[in-house]
N, C-alpha and C. Protein backbone atom coordinates (compact mmCIF):
# COMPACT_ATOMS: atom_id res chain seq x y z
N MET A 1 70.51 15.21 -11.13
CA MET A 1 71.07 14.97 -12.53
C MET A 1 70.56 16.18 -13.44
N GLU A 2 71.49 16.99 -14.11
CA GLU A 2 71.22 18.15 -14.95
C GLU A 2 70.53 17.68 -16.40
N ARG A 3 69.54 18.35 -16.72
CA ARG A 3 69.19 18.14 -18.44
C ARG A 3 70.20 18.36 -19.25
N ASN A 4 70.56 17.56 -20.12
CA ASN A 4 71.60 17.80 -21.12
C ASN A 4 70.79 18.20 -22.46
N ALA A 5 70.51 19.72 -22.57
CA ALA A 5 69.36 19.75 -23.87
C ALA A 5 70.27 19.63 -25.47
N ASN A 6 71.45 19.36 -25.29
CA ASN A 6 72.00 18.93 -26.62
C ASN A 6 72.29 17.48 -26.97
N ALA A 7 71.66 16.81 -26.02
CA ALA A 7 72.09 15.26 -26.27
C ALA A 7 71.49 14.57 -27.23
N TYR A 8 70.25 14.93 -27.97
CA TYR A 8 70.03 14.53 -29.23
C TYR A 8 70.94 15.03 -30.31
N TYR A 9 71.57 16.10 -30.07
CA TYR A 9 72.19 16.91 -31.18
C TYR A 9 73.50 16.07 -31.10
N GLU A 10 74.18 16.05 -30.35
CA GLU A 10 75.29 15.14 -30.05
C GLU A 10 75.31 13.99 -30.63
N LEU A 11 74.12 13.08 -30.41
CA LEU A 11 73.99 11.73 -30.81
C LEU A 11 73.75 11.81 -32.57
N VAL A 12 72.97 12.92 -32.86
CA VAL A 12 72.98 12.72 -34.59
C VAL A 12 74.44 13.09 -34.98
N ALA A 13 75.02 13.74 -34.45
CA ALA A 13 76.60 14.41 -35.02
C ALA A 13 77.34 13.15 -34.72
N ALA A 14 77.26 12.66 -33.74
CA ALA A 14 78.05 11.07 -33.69
C ALA A 14 77.72 10.11 -34.71
N THR A 15 76.52 9.94 -34.71
CA THR A 15 75.82 9.10 -35.89
C THR A 15 76.12 9.49 -37.40
N VAL A 16 76.04 10.89 -37.37
CA VAL A 16 76.61 11.13 -38.81
C VAL A 16 78.01 10.74 -39.15
N GLU A 17 79.14 10.96 -38.34
CA GLU A 17 80.01 10.71 -38.30
C GLU A 17 80.40 9.22 -38.49
N ALA A 18 79.80 8.65 -37.68
CA ALA A 18 79.80 6.71 -37.98
C ALA A 18 79.13 6.60 -39.34
N PHE A 19 78.13 7.13 -39.72
CA PHE A 19 77.61 7.08 -41.26
C PHE A 19 78.74 7.37 -42.52
N ASN A 20 79.39 8.51 -42.19
CA ASN A 20 80.17 8.73 -43.14
C ASN A 20 81.41 7.97 -43.14
N GLU A 21 81.98 7.49 -41.85
CA GLU A 21 82.96 6.19 -41.96
C GLU A 21 82.45 5.09 -43.13
N ARG A 22 81.32 4.58 -42.55
CA ARG A 22 80.53 3.64 -43.28
C ARG A 22 80.37 4.13 -44.64
N ILE A 23 80.11 5.11 -45.11
CA ILE A 23 79.91 5.35 -46.49
C ILE A 23 81.35 5.11 -47.33
N GLN A 24 82.37 5.96 -46.61
CA GLN A 24 83.76 5.72 -47.14
C GLN A 24 84.33 4.39 -47.42
N TYR A 25 83.88 3.67 -46.40
CA TYR A 25 84.20 1.90 -46.53
C TYR A 25 83.66 1.16 -47.29
N ASP A 26 82.59 1.47 -47.63
CA ASP A 26 81.32 0.90 -48.54
C ASP A 26 81.73 1.61 -49.70
N GLN A 27 82.21 2.85 -49.95
CA GLN A 27 82.32 3.61 -51.21
C GLN A 27 80.78 3.79 -52.04
N LEU A 28 79.97 4.35 -50.99
CA LEU A 28 78.83 4.58 -51.41
C LEU A 28 78.52 6.00 -51.93
N THR A 29 77.86 6.14 -52.82
CA THR A 29 77.55 7.46 -53.49
C THR A 29 76.22 7.77 -53.33
N GLN A 30 75.65 9.10 -53.29
CA GLN A 30 74.38 9.58 -53.18
C GLN A 30 73.44 8.89 -54.13
N ASP A 31 73.81 8.24 -55.04
CA ASP A 31 73.11 7.47 -56.06
C ASP A 31 72.72 5.94 -55.75
N ASP A 32 73.83 5.55 -54.85
CA ASP A 32 73.53 4.14 -54.42
C ASP A 32 72.55 3.91 -53.33
N ASP A 33 71.87 2.73 -53.29
CA ASP A 33 70.95 2.47 -52.15
C ASP A 33 71.82 2.41 -51.13
N TYR A 34 71.69 3.40 -50.16
CA TYR A 34 72.66 3.20 -48.54
C TYR A 34 71.28 2.88 -47.58
N SER A 35 70.33 2.12 -47.66
CA SER A 35 69.29 2.34 -46.73
C SER A 35 69.79 1.30 -45.82
N ASP A 36 70.29 0.27 -46.29
CA ASP A 36 70.81 -0.58 -45.48
C ASP A 36 72.01 -0.32 -44.40
N ALA A 37 72.85 0.11 -45.11
CA ALA A 37 73.91 1.00 -44.52
C ALA A 37 73.77 1.69 -43.21
N LEU A 38 72.71 2.97 -43.64
CA LEU A 38 72.16 3.81 -42.78
C LEU A 38 71.36 2.98 -42.00
N HIS A 39 70.61 2.02 -41.91
CA HIS A 39 69.91 1.25 -40.83
C HIS A 39 71.00 0.65 -39.76
N GLU A 40 71.81 0.09 -40.37
CA GLU A 40 73.00 -0.61 -39.64
C GLU A 40 73.68 0.32 -38.68
N VAL A 41 73.95 1.68 -39.23
CA VAL A 41 74.57 2.58 -38.49
C VAL A 41 73.66 3.27 -37.25
N VAL A 42 72.53 3.58 -37.78
CA VAL A 42 71.63 4.04 -36.79
C VAL A 42 71.11 3.10 -35.70
N ASP A 43 70.96 1.76 -35.84
CA ASP A 43 70.60 0.85 -35.13
C ASP A 43 71.63 0.65 -34.18
N GLY A 44 73.01 0.57 -34.40
CA GLY A 44 73.94 0.63 -33.88
C GLY A 44 74.44 1.85 -32.33
N MET A 45 73.75 3.01 -32.93
CA MET A 45 74.01 4.42 -32.29
C MET A 45 72.82 4.49 -31.07
N VAL A 46 71.75 3.83 -31.17
CA VAL A 46 70.32 4.10 -30.52
C VAL A 46 70.94 3.46 -28.83
N PRO A 47 70.69 4.41 -28.17
CA PRO A 47 71.31 4.07 -26.59
C PRO A 47 70.43 2.84 -26.04
N HIS A 48 71.04 2.28 -25.15
CA HIS A 48 70.48 0.85 -24.57
C HIS A 48 70.45 1.18 -22.85
N TYR A 49 71.11 2.15 -22.31
CA TYR A 49 71.13 2.16 -20.90
C TYR A 49 69.86 3.08 -20.93
N TYR A 50 69.06 2.83 -19.67
CA TYR A 50 67.84 3.66 -19.34
C TYR A 50 68.34 5.33 -19.27
N SER A 51 69.32 5.49 -18.33
CA SER A 51 69.73 7.16 -18.39
C SER A 51 70.02 7.78 -19.89
N ASP A 52 70.91 6.73 -20.82
CA ASP A 52 71.06 7.49 -21.93
C ASP A 52 69.61 7.76 -22.94
N ILE A 53 68.99 6.84 -22.56
CA ILE A 53 67.46 6.97 -23.37
C ILE A 53 66.87 7.91 -23.11
N PHE A 54 66.65 8.15 -21.46
CA PHE A 54 65.75 9.12 -21.00
C PHE A 54 66.37 10.64 -21.37
N THR A 55 67.82 10.70 -21.04
CA THR A 55 68.36 11.95 -21.68
C THR A 55 68.36 12.35 -23.04
N VAL A 56 68.22 11.42 -23.85
CA VAL A 56 68.12 11.82 -25.31
C VAL A 56 66.60 12.39 -25.47
N MET A 57 65.66 11.77 -24.81
CA MET A 57 64.44 12.09 -24.89
C MET A 57 64.01 13.18 -24.51
N ALA A 58 64.50 13.59 -23.39
CA ALA A 58 64.48 15.00 -22.59
C ALA A 58 65.10 15.86 -23.43
N ALA A 59 65.85 15.89 -24.44
CA ALA A 59 66.75 16.98 -24.87
C ALA A 59 65.76 17.60 -26.08
N ASP A 60 66.65 18.78 -26.47
CA ASP A 60 65.82 19.24 -27.61
C ASP A 60 66.01 18.85 -28.73
N GLY A 61 65.21 18.89 -29.83
CA GLY A 61 65.52 18.42 -31.26
C GLY A 61 64.92 17.29 -31.45
N ILE A 62 64.19 16.47 -30.41
CA ILE A 62 63.47 15.11 -30.88
C ILE A 62 62.23 15.23 -30.06
N SER A 63 61.06 14.84 -31.00
CA SER A 63 59.75 14.88 -30.63
C SER A 63 59.41 13.58 -29.93
N HIS A 64 58.51 13.58 -29.07
CA HIS A 64 58.03 12.44 -28.52
C HIS A 64 57.08 11.36 -29.48
N GLU A 65 56.70 12.22 -30.40
CA GLU A 65 55.59 11.51 -31.23
C GLU A 65 56.11 11.14 -32.59
N PHE A 66 55.56 9.84 -32.87
CA PHE A 66 56.23 9.28 -33.91
C PHE A 66 55.74 9.71 -35.36
N ASP A 67 56.52 9.67 -36.30
CA ASP A 67 56.30 10.08 -37.64
C ASP A 67 55.44 9.00 -38.41
N ASP A 68 55.89 7.81 -38.05
CA ASP A 68 55.42 6.50 -38.78
C ASP A 68 54.85 5.53 -37.54
N SER A 69 53.34 5.67 -37.21
CA SER A 69 53.09 4.97 -36.17
C SER A 69 53.18 3.57 -36.34
N GLY A 70 53.61 2.99 -37.65
CA GLY A 70 53.51 1.56 -38.02
C GLY A 70 55.07 1.22 -37.01
N LEU A 71 55.68 2.02 -36.81
CA LEU A 71 57.27 1.91 -35.96
C LEU A 71 57.20 1.54 -34.58
N ILE A 72 55.86 1.97 -34.30
CA ILE A 72 55.75 1.91 -32.68
C ILE A 72 55.53 0.30 -32.23
N PRO A 73 56.52 -0.05 -31.36
CA PRO A 73 56.59 -1.53 -30.88
C PRO A 73 55.31 -1.86 -30.24
N ASP A 74 54.94 -3.27 -30.39
CA ASP A 74 53.46 -3.81 -29.65
C ASP A 74 54.12 -4.37 -28.30
N THR A 75 54.27 -3.42 -27.36
CA THR A 75 54.96 -3.81 -26.03
C THR A 75 54.50 -2.49 -25.07
N LYS A 76 54.59 -2.99 -23.93
CA LYS A 76 54.26 -1.92 -22.89
C LYS A 76 55.39 -1.43 -22.36
N ASP A 77 56.82 -1.85 -22.82
CA ASP A 77 57.73 -1.49 -22.02
C ASP A 77 58.38 -0.11 -22.65
N VAL A 78 58.16 0.99 -21.90
CA VAL A 78 58.63 2.19 -22.41
C VAL A 78 60.00 2.59 -23.18
N THR A 79 60.80 1.74 -22.59
CA THR A 79 62.39 2.14 -22.99
C THR A 79 62.23 1.38 -24.52
N ARG A 80 61.64 0.54 -24.71
CA ARG A 80 61.69 -0.19 -26.13
C ARG A 80 61.09 0.46 -27.10
N ILE A 81 59.95 1.42 -26.56
CA ILE A 81 59.25 2.25 -27.38
C ILE A 81 60.01 3.54 -27.65
N LEU A 82 60.79 4.14 -26.60
CA LEU A 82 61.47 5.31 -26.87
C LEU A 82 62.52 4.93 -27.76
N GLN A 83 63.30 3.72 -27.39
CA GLN A 83 64.34 3.32 -28.47
C GLN A 83 63.85 3.33 -29.94
N ALA A 84 62.64 3.00 -30.07
CA ALA A 84 62.22 2.93 -31.45
C ALA A 84 62.04 4.41 -32.11
N ARG A 85 61.65 5.39 -31.06
CA ARG A 85 61.41 6.60 -31.64
C ARG A 85 62.66 7.36 -31.67
N ILE A 86 63.54 7.01 -31.16
CA ILE A 86 64.96 7.63 -31.36
C ILE A 86 65.62 7.08 -32.65
N TYR A 87 65.26 5.77 -32.85
CA TYR A 87 65.81 5.20 -34.33
C TYR A 87 65.17 5.92 -35.26
N GLU A 88 63.78 5.95 -35.23
CA GLU A 88 63.03 6.83 -36.24
C GLU A 88 63.54 8.24 -36.74
N ALA A 89 63.75 8.87 -35.64
CA ALA A 89 64.30 10.46 -35.44
C ALA A 89 65.61 10.23 -36.23
N LEU A 90 66.69 9.46 -35.66
CA LEU A 90 67.97 9.32 -35.82
C LEU A 90 68.04 9.13 -37.60
N TYR A 91 67.16 8.07 -37.94
CA TYR A 91 67.22 7.77 -39.51
C TYR A 91 66.95 8.94 -40.42
N ILE A 92 65.90 9.63 -40.12
CA ILE A 92 65.48 10.61 -40.81
C ILE A 92 66.21 11.80 -40.84
N ASP A 93 66.88 12.11 -39.53
CA ASP A 93 67.81 13.41 -39.30
C ASP A 93 69.28 13.31 -39.84
N VAL A 94 69.63 12.01 -39.70
CA VAL A 94 70.94 11.48 -40.37
C VAL A 94 70.99 11.73 -41.99
N GLN A 95 69.84 10.98 -42.45
CA GLN A 95 69.71 10.93 -43.97
C GLN A 95 69.63 12.47 -44.62
N ASP A 96 69.08 13.40 -43.77
CA ASP A 96 69.03 14.77 -44.29
C ASP A 96 70.08 15.70 -43.87
N ASP A 97 70.90 15.28 -42.97
CA ASP A 97 72.15 16.18 -42.67
C ASP A 97 72.87 16.67 -43.63
N SER A 98 73.42 17.63 -43.70
CA SER A 98 74.24 18.48 -44.54
C SER A 98 75.72 18.14 -44.39
N ASP A 99 75.95 17.37 -43.24
CA ASP A 99 77.37 17.00 -42.96
C ASP A 99 77.88 15.68 -43.47
N VAL A 100 76.76 14.95 -44.07
CA VAL A 100 77.08 13.52 -44.83
C VAL A 100 77.90 13.89 -46.32
N VAL A 101 78.90 13.19 -45.82
CA VAL A 101 80.02 13.19 -46.95
C VAL A 101 80.09 12.00 -47.87
N TRP A 102 79.53 11.98 -49.25
CA TRP A 102 79.38 10.68 -49.95
C TRP A 102 80.80 10.60 -50.56
N PHE A 103 80.84 9.24 -50.92
CA PHE A 103 82.28 8.73 -51.60
C PHE A 103 82.22 9.49 -53.04
N GLU A 104 83.60 9.75 -53.27
CA GLU A 104 83.87 10.13 -54.77
C GLU A 104 84.93 9.53 -55.19
N GLU A 105 85.11 8.96 -56.37
CA GLU A 105 85.94 8.08 -56.65
C GLU A 105 87.08 9.25 -57.38
N ASN A 106 88.46 9.02 -56.71
CA ASN A 106 89.39 9.76 -57.24
C ASN A 106 89.80 9.53 -58.91
N GLU A 107 89.85 10.67 -59.75
CA GLU A 107 90.56 10.31 -60.92
C GLU A 107 91.72 9.38 -61.10
N GLU A 108 92.59 9.79 -60.17
CA GLU A 108 93.79 8.91 -60.21
C GLU A 108 93.62 7.42 -60.17
N ASP A 109 92.48 6.98 -59.17
CA ASP A 109 92.12 5.56 -59.12
C ASP A 109 91.66 4.90 -60.36
N ASP A 110 91.19 5.88 -61.23
CA ASP A 110 90.72 5.29 -62.73
C ASP A 110 91.67 4.95 -63.35
N GLU A 111 92.86 5.31 -63.35
CA GLU A 111 93.87 5.38 -64.45
C GLU A 111 94.60 4.07 -63.93
């Protein structure tokens, strides 16, 4: 099996795309509280299959260290720990991504 160095970047791009769809559907602006929507999108994008989890963690762009040690699950199951790390990294990186497109009302809709 060959290493996919871009697996994490591809996951971030797919998650940003899903978040953009959610933003438009919920009509979220940058000033709205979008944390629940972002959580739901990110949670749905975290891989579940062992091969996908390990492929993402072996890719460039993601560190194995948690930024917030409080997010480390109380388990010895490595895959659950890695999923939590992927979730944390995605939540931060999608939130900061420049490709996020916020909802803007059309002036025609106001009339």
